């Protein structure tokens, strides 16, 4: 039996495997101690809705068909 990889958007649940998607690595700092939380996977639509695209990187907005 083969393995199947499934990558879905953590916000809307859309399948983003073999497509363009973004990951957010969240780091929590309490009293100088850092803890890495699991990565968040977002499709381009949900990433634009977070408004982080304007702050972090310069991405080209694509029309969804």
PDB file of N, CA and C in Angstrom:
ATOM      1  N   UNK A   1       0.834  -1.174   0.000  1.00  0.00           N
ATOM      2  CA  UNK A   1       0.000   0.000   0.000  1.00  0.00           C
ATOM      3  C   UNK A   1       0.884   1.243   0.000  1.00  0.00           C
ATOM      4  N   UNK A   2       0.522   2.206  -0.808  1.00  0.00           N
ATOM      5  CA  UNK A   2       1.257   3.451  -0.874  1.00  0.00           C
ATOM      6  C   UNK A   2       0.718   4.461   0.126  1.00  0.00           C
ATOM      7  N   UNK A   3       1.510   5.472   0.378  1.00  0.00           N
ATOM      8  CA  UNK A   3       1.085   6.537   1.275  1.00  0.00           C
ATOM      9  C   UNK A   3       0.522   7.690   0.460  1.00  0.00           C
ATOM     10  N   UNK A   4      -0.465   8.341   1.002  1.00  0.00           N
ATOM     11  CA  UNK A   4      -1.065   9.487   0.345  1.00  0.00           C
ATOM     12  C   UNK A   4      -0.835  10.714   1.209  1.00  0.00           C
ATOM     13  N   UNK A   5      -0.289  11.763   0.605  1.00  0.00           N
ATOM     14  CA  UNK A   5      -0.046  13.010   1.319  1.00  0.00           C
ATOM     15  C   UNK A   5      -1.215  13.956   1.077  1.00  0.00           C
ATOM     16  N   UNK A   6      -1.769  14.476   2.147  1.00  0.00           N
ATOM     17  CA  UNK A   6      -2.863  15.437   2.048  1.00  0.00           C
ATOM     18  C   UNK A   6      -2.462  16.692   2.804  1.00  0.00           C
ATOM     19  N   UNK A   7      -2.506  17.827   2.128  1.00  0.00           N
ATOM     20  CA  UNK A   7      -2.214  19.114   2.763  1.00  0.00           C
ATOM     21  C   UNK A   7      -3.448  19.983   2.564  1.00  0.00           C
ATOM     22  N   UNK A   8      -4.040  20.423   3.664  1.00  0.00           N
ATOM     23  CA  UNK A   8      -5.240  21.259   3.589  1.00  0.00           C
ATOM     24  C   UNK A   8      -5.005  22.570   4.323  1.00  0.00           C
ATOM     25  N   UNK A   9      -5.732  23.588   3.897  1.00  0.00           N
ATOM     26  CA  UNK A   9      -5.682  24.902   4.548  1.00  0.00           C
ATOM     27  C   UNK A   9      -6.286  24.765   5.941  1.00  0.00           C
ATOM     28  N   UNK A  10      -5.596  25.263   6.955  1.00  0.00           N
ATOM     29  CA  UNK A  10      -6.089  25.170   8.324  1.00  0.00           C
ATOM     30  C   UNK A  10      -7.263  26.112   8.591  1.00  0.00           C
ATOM     31  N   UNK A  11      -7.509  27.069   7.709  1.00  0.00           N
ATOM     32  CA  UNK A  11      -8.602  27.998   7.904  1.00  0.00           C
ATOM     33  C   UNK A  11      -9.880  27.535   7.207  1.00  0.00           C
ATOM     34  N   UNK A  12      -9.794  27.265   5.896  1.00  0.00           N
ATOM     35  CA  UNK A  12     -11.000  26.920   5.135  1.00  0.00           C
ATOM     36  C   UNK A  12     -11.091  25.444   4.776  1.00  0.00           C
ATOM     37  N   UNK A  13     -10.015  24.693   4.919  1.00  0.00           N
ATOM     38  CA  UNK A  13     -10.049  23.265   4.627  1.00  0.00           C
ATOM     39  C   UNK A  13      -9.827  22.900   3.176  1.00  0.00           C
ATOM     40  N   UNK A  14      -9.460  23.870   2.333  1.00  0.00           N
ATOM     41  CA  UNK A  14      -9.232  23.596   0.919  1.00  0.00           C
ATOM     42  C   UNK A  14      -7.974  22.755   0.730  1.00  0.00           C
ATOM     43  N   UNK A  15      -8.001  21.861  -0.255  1.00  0.00           N
ATOM     44  CA  UNK A  15      -6.846  21.019  -0.556  1.00  0.00           C
ATOM     45  C   UNK A  15      -5.801  21.864  -1.286  1.00  0.00           C
ATOM     46  N   UNK A  16      -4.580  21.960  -0.737  1.00  0.00           N
ATOM     47  CA  UNK A  16      -3.527  22.773  -1.336  1.00  0.00           C
ATOM     48  C   UNK A  16      -2.318  21.943  -1.746  1.00  0.00           C
ATOM     49  N   UNK A  17      -2.451  20.621  -1.753  1.00  0.00           N
ATOM     50  CA  UNK A  17      -1.343  19.744  -2.142  1.00  0.00           C
ATOM     51  C   UNK A  17      -1.001  19.969  -3.608  1.00  0.00           C
ATOM     52  N   UNK A  18       0.282  20.139  -3.915  1.00  0.00           N
ATOM     53  CA  UNK A  18       0.795  20.436  -5.260  1.00  0.00           C
ATOM     54  C   UNK A  18       0.306  21.779  -5.787  1.00  0.00           C
ATOM     55  N   UNK A  19      -0.063  22.678  -4.902  1.00  0.00           N
ATOM     56  CA  UNK A  19      -0.476  24.035  -5.270  1.00  0.00           C
ATOM     57  C   UNK A  19       0.324  25.016  -4.429  1.00  0.00           C
ATOM     58  N   UNK A  20       0.104  26.291  -4.660  1.00  0.00           N
ATOM     59  CA  UNK A  20       0.773  27.331  -3.884  1.00  0.00           C
ATOM     60  C   UNK A  20       0.084  27.474  -2.526  1.00  0.00           C
ATOM     61  N   UNK A  21       0.866  27.434  -1.444  1.00  0.00           N
ATOM     62  CA  UNK A  21       0.324  27.661  -0.109  1.00  0.00           C
ATOM     63  C   UNK A  21       1.396  28.293   0.763  1.00  0.00           C
ATOM     64  N   UNK A  22       0.986  28.805   1.915  1.00  0.00           N
ATOM     65  CA  UNK A  22       1.869  29.508   2.829  1.00  0.00           C
ATOM     66  C   UNK A  22       1.870  28.792   4.170  1.00  0.00           C
ATOM     67  N   UNK A  23       3.004  28.820   4.857  1.00  0.00           N
ATOM     68  CA  UNK A  23       3.073  28.277   6.206  1.00  0.00           C
ATOM     69  C   UNK A  23       3.476  29.384   7.162  1.00  0.00           C
ATOM     70  N   UNK A  24       2.867  29.370   8.329  1.00  0.00           N
ATOM     71  CA  UNK A  24       3.198  30.320   9.383  1.00  0.00           C
ATOM     72  C   UNK A  24       3.726  29.531  10.571  1.00  0.00           C
ATOM     73  N   UNK A  25       4.924  29.841  10.994  1.00  0.00           N
ATOM     74  CA  UNK A  25       5.513  29.194  12.164  1.00  0.00           C
ATOM     75  C   UNK A  25       5.384  30.160  13.338  1.00  0.00           C
ATOM     76  N   UNK A  26       4.596  29.761  14.315  1.00  0.00           N
ATOM     77  CA  UNK A  26       4.297  30.621  15.456  1.00  0.00           C
ATOM     78  C   UNK A  26       5.234  30.277  16.605  1.00  0.00           C
ATOM     79  N   UNK A  27       5.880  31.277  17.144  1.00  0.00           N
ATOM     80  CA  UNK A  27       6.793  31.103  18.274  1.00  0.00           C
ATOM     81  C   UNK A  27       6.222  31.870  19.465  1.00  0.00           C
ATOM     82  N   UNK A  28       6.082  31.188  20.589  1.00  0.00           N
ATOM     83  CA  UNK A  28       5.556  31.796  21.804  1.00  0.00           C
ATOM     84  C   UNK A  28       6.721  32.035  22.759  1.00  0.00           C
ATOM     85  N   UNK A  29       6.785  33.237  23.334  1.00  0.00           N
ATOM     86  CA  UNK A  29       7.853  33.576  24.272  1.00  0.00           C
ATOM     87  C   UNK A  29       7.215  33.990  25.595  1.00  0.00           C
ATOM     88  N   UNK A  30       7.561  33.255  26.651  1.00  0.00           N
ATOM     89  CA  UNK A  30       7.080  33.573  27.996  1.00  0.00           C
ATOM     90  C   UNK A  30       8.287  33.575  28.925  1.00  0.00           C
ATOM     91  N   UNK A  31       8.527  34.717  29.556  1.00  0.00           N
ATOM     92  CA  UNK A  31       9.639  34.878  30.494  1.00  0.00           C
ATOM     93  C   UNK A  31      10.973  34.463  29.868  1.00  0.00           C
ATOM     94  N   UNK A  32      11.178  34.821  28.602  1.00  0.00           N
ATOM     95  CA  UNK A  32      12.435  34.545  27.925  1.00  0.00           C
ATOM     96  C   UNK A  32      12.581  33.134  27.372  1.00  0.00           C
ATOM     97  N   UNK A  33      11.614  32.253  27.605  1.00  0.00           N
ATOM     98  CA  UNK A  33      11.678  30.893  27.080  1.00  0.00           C
ATOM     99  C   UNK A  33      10.793  30.793  25.848  1.00  0.00           C
ATOM    100  N   UNK A  34      11.360  30.257  24.767  1.00  0.00           N
ATOM    101  CA  UNK A  34      10.652  30.168  23.497  1.00  0.00           C
ATOM    102  C   UNK A  34      10.100  28.766  23.285  1.00  0.00           C
ATOM    103  N   UNK A  35       8.888  28.731  22.759  1.00  0.00           N
ATOM    104  CA  UNK A  35       8.242  27.477  22.414  1.00  0.00           C
ATOM    105  C   UNK A  35       7.724  27.595  20.986  1.00  0.00           C
ATOM    106  N   UNK A  36       8.075  26.634  20.127  1.00  0.00           N
ATOM    107  CA  UNK A  36       7.573  26.617  18.756  1.00  0.00           C
ATOM    108  C   UNK A  36       6.262  25.851  18.712  1.00  0.00           C
ATOM    109  N   UNK A  37       5.238  26.470  18.186  1.00  0.00           N
ATOM    110  CA  UNK A  37       3.951  25.815  17.985  1.00  0.00           C
ATOM    111  C   UNK A  37       3.933  25.181  16.602  1.00  0.00           C
ATOM    112  N   UNK A  38       3.029  24.245  16.359  1.00  0.00           N
ATOM    113  CA  UNK A  38       2.956  23.624  15.026  1.00  0.00           C
ATOM    114  C   UNK A  38       2.680  24.666  13.939  1.00  0.00           C
ATOM    115  N   UNK A  39       3.191  24.404  12.741  1.00  0.00           N
ATOM    116  CA  UNK A  39       3.006  25.324  11.621  1.00  0.00           C
ATOM    117  C   UNK A  39       1.545  25.374  11.203  1.00  0.00           C
ATOM    118  N   UNK A  40       1.137  26.533  10.706  1.00  0.00           N
ATOM    119  CA  UNK A  40      -0.213  26.738  10.187  1.00  0.00           C
ATOM    120  C   UNK A  40      -0.101  26.814   8.671  1.00  0.00           C
ATOM    121  N   UNK A  41      -0.894  26.027   7.970  1.00  0.00           N
ATOM    122  CA  UNK A  41      -0.907  26.011   6.511  1.00  0.00           C
ATOM    123  C   UNK A  41      -2.106  26.811   6.028  1.00  0.00           C
ATOM    124  N   UNK A  42      -1.856  27.760   5.098  1.00  0.00           N
ATOM    125  CA  UNK A  42      -2.921  28.617   4.581  1.00  0.00           C
ATOM    126  C   UNK A  42      -2.878  28.665   3.057  1.00  0.00           C
ATOM    127  N   UNK A  43      -4.060  28.629   2.434  1.00  0.00           N
ATOM    128  CA  UNK A  43      -4.155  28.831   0.991  1.00  0.00           C
ATOM    129  C   UNK A  43      -3.941  30.325   0.716  1.00  0.00           C
ATOM    130  N   UNK A  44      -3.664  30.714  -0.530  1.00  0.00           N
ATOM    131  CA  UNK A  44      -3.425  32.131  -0.818  1.00  0.00           C
ATOM    132  C   UNK A  44      -4.583  33.045  -0.425  1.00  0.00           C
ATOM    133  N   UNK A  45      -5.826  32.578  -0.597  1.00  0.00           N
ATOM    134  CA  UNK A  45      -6.991  33.394  -0.247  1.00  0.00           C
ATOM    135  C   UNK A  45      -7.028  33.686   1.248  1.00  0.00           C
ATOM    136  N   UNK A  46      -6.849  32.677   2.060  1.00  0.00           N
ATOM    137  CA  UNK A  46      -6.871  32.865   3.510  1.00  0.00           C
ATOM    138  C   UNK A  46      -5.658  33.658   3.994  1.00  0.00           C
ATOM    139  N   UNK A  47      -4.502  33.488   3.337  1.00  0.00           N
ATOM    140  CA  UNK A  47      -3.316  34.259   3.707  1.00  0.00           C
ATOM    141  C   UNK A  47      -3.542  35.742   3.446  1.00  0.00           C
ATOM    142  N   UNK A  48      -4.198  36.080   2.332  1.00  0.00           N
ATOM    143  CA  UNK A  48      -4.503  37.489   2.043  1.00  0.00           C
ATOM    144  C   UNK A  48      -5.462  38.060   3.074  1.00  0.00           C
ATOM    145  N   UNK A  49      -6.397  37.242   3.543  1.00  0.00           N
ATOM    146  CA  UNK A  49      -7.370  37.716   4.532  1.00  0.00           C
ATOM    147  C   UNK A  49      -6.722  38.030   5.878  1.00  0.00           C
ATOM    148  N   UNK A  50      -5.578  37.435   6.186  1.00  0.00           N
ATOM    149  CA  UNK A  50      -4.907  37.722   7.452  1.00  0.00           C
ATOM    150  C   UNK A  50      -4.230  39.082   7.447  1.00  0.00           C
ATOM    151  N   UNK A  51      -4.061  39.684   6.290  1.00  0.00           N
ATOM    152  CA  UNK A  51      -3.365  40.975   6.115  1.00  0.00           C
ATOM    153  C   UNK A  51      -1.876  40.864   6.374  1.00  0.00           C
ATOM    154  N   UNK A  52      -1.349  39.650   6.585  1.00  0.00           N
ATOM    155  CA  UNK A  52       0.087  39.482   6.790  1.00  0.00           C
ATOM    156  C   UNK A  52       0.856  39.647   5.486  1.00  0.00           C
ATOM    157  N   UNK A  53       0.197  39.442   4.353  1.00  0.00           N
ATOM    158  CA  UNK A  53       0.876  39.574   3.068  1.00  0.00           C
ATOM    159  C   UNK A  53       1.420  40.989   2.895  1.00  0.00           C
ATOM    160  N   UNK A  54       0.681  41.979   3.356  1.00  0.00           N
ATOM    161  CA  UNK A  54       1.135  43.363   3.221  1.00  0.00           C
ATOM    162  C   UNK A  54       2.314  43.642   4.143  1.00  0.00           C
ATOM    163  N   UNK A  55       2.388  42.955   5.272  1.00  0.00           N
ATOM    164  CA  UNK A  55       3.436  43.220   6.245  1.00  0.00           C
ATOM    165  C   UNK A  55       4.709  42.426   5.993  1.00  0.00           C
ATOM    166  N   UNK A  56       4.573  41.172   5.552  1.00  0.00           N
ATOM    167  CA  UNK A  56       5.718  40.281   5.503  1.00  0.00           C
ATOM    168  C   UNK A  56       6.419  40.228   4.154  1.00  0.00           C
ATOM    169  N   UNK A  57       5.657  40.010   3.094  1.00  0.00           N
ATOM    170  CA  UNK A  57       6.275  39.820   1.789  1.00  0.00           C
ATOM    171  C   UNK A  57       5.486  40.540   0.717  1.00  0.00           C
ATOM    172  N   UNK A  58       6.096  40.674  -0.415  1.00  0.00           N
ATOM    173  CA  UNK A  58       5.454  41.279  -1.567  1.00  0.00           C
ATOM    174  C   UNK A  58       5.017  40.154  -2.496  1.00  0.00           C
ATOM    175  N   UNK A  59       3.725  39.805  -2.456  1.00  0.00           N
ATOM    176  CA  UNK A  59       3.236  38.743  -3.320  1.00  0.00           C
ATOM    177  C   UNK A  59       2.316  39.337  -4.374  1.00  0.00           C
ATOM    178  N   UNK A  60       2.225  38.647  -5.472  1.00  0.00           N
ATOM    179  CA  UNK A  60       1.349  39.072  -6.555  1.00  0.00           C
ATOM    180  C   UNK A  60      -0.026  38.465  -6.318  1.00  0.00           C
ATOM    181  N   UNK A  61      -1.057  39.305  -6.301  1.00  0.00           N
ATOM    182  CA  UNK A  61      -2.410  38.823  -6.079  1.00  0.00           C
ATOM    183  C   UNK A  61      -2.922  38.200  -7.369  1.00  0.00           C
ATOM    184  N   UNK A  62      -3.369  36.952  -7.261  1.00  0.00           N
ATOM    185  CA  UNK A  62      -3.877  36.223  -8.426  1.00  0.00           C
ATOM    186  C   UNK A  62      -5.376  36.116  -8.338  1.00  0.00           C
ATOM    187  N   UNK A  63      -6.034  36.147  -9.495  1.00  0.00           N
ATOM    188  CA  UNK A  63      -7.479  35.986  -9.547  1.00  0.00           C
ATOM    189  C   UNK A  63      -7.809  34.512  -9.399  1.00  0.00           C
ATOM    190  N   UNK A  64      -8.792  34.197  -8.541  1.00  0.00           N
ATOM    191  CA  UNK A  64      -9.260  32.822  -8.378  1.00  0.00           C
ATOM    192  C   UNK A  64     -10.348  32.560  -9.422  1.00  0.00           C
ATOM    193  N   UNK A  65     -10.167  31.520 -10.215  1.00  0.00           N
ATOM    194  CA  UNK A  65     -11.170  31.188 -11.234  1.00  0.00           C
ATOM    195  C   UNK A  65     -12.185  30.233 -10.697  1.00  0.00           C
TER     196      UNK A  65
END
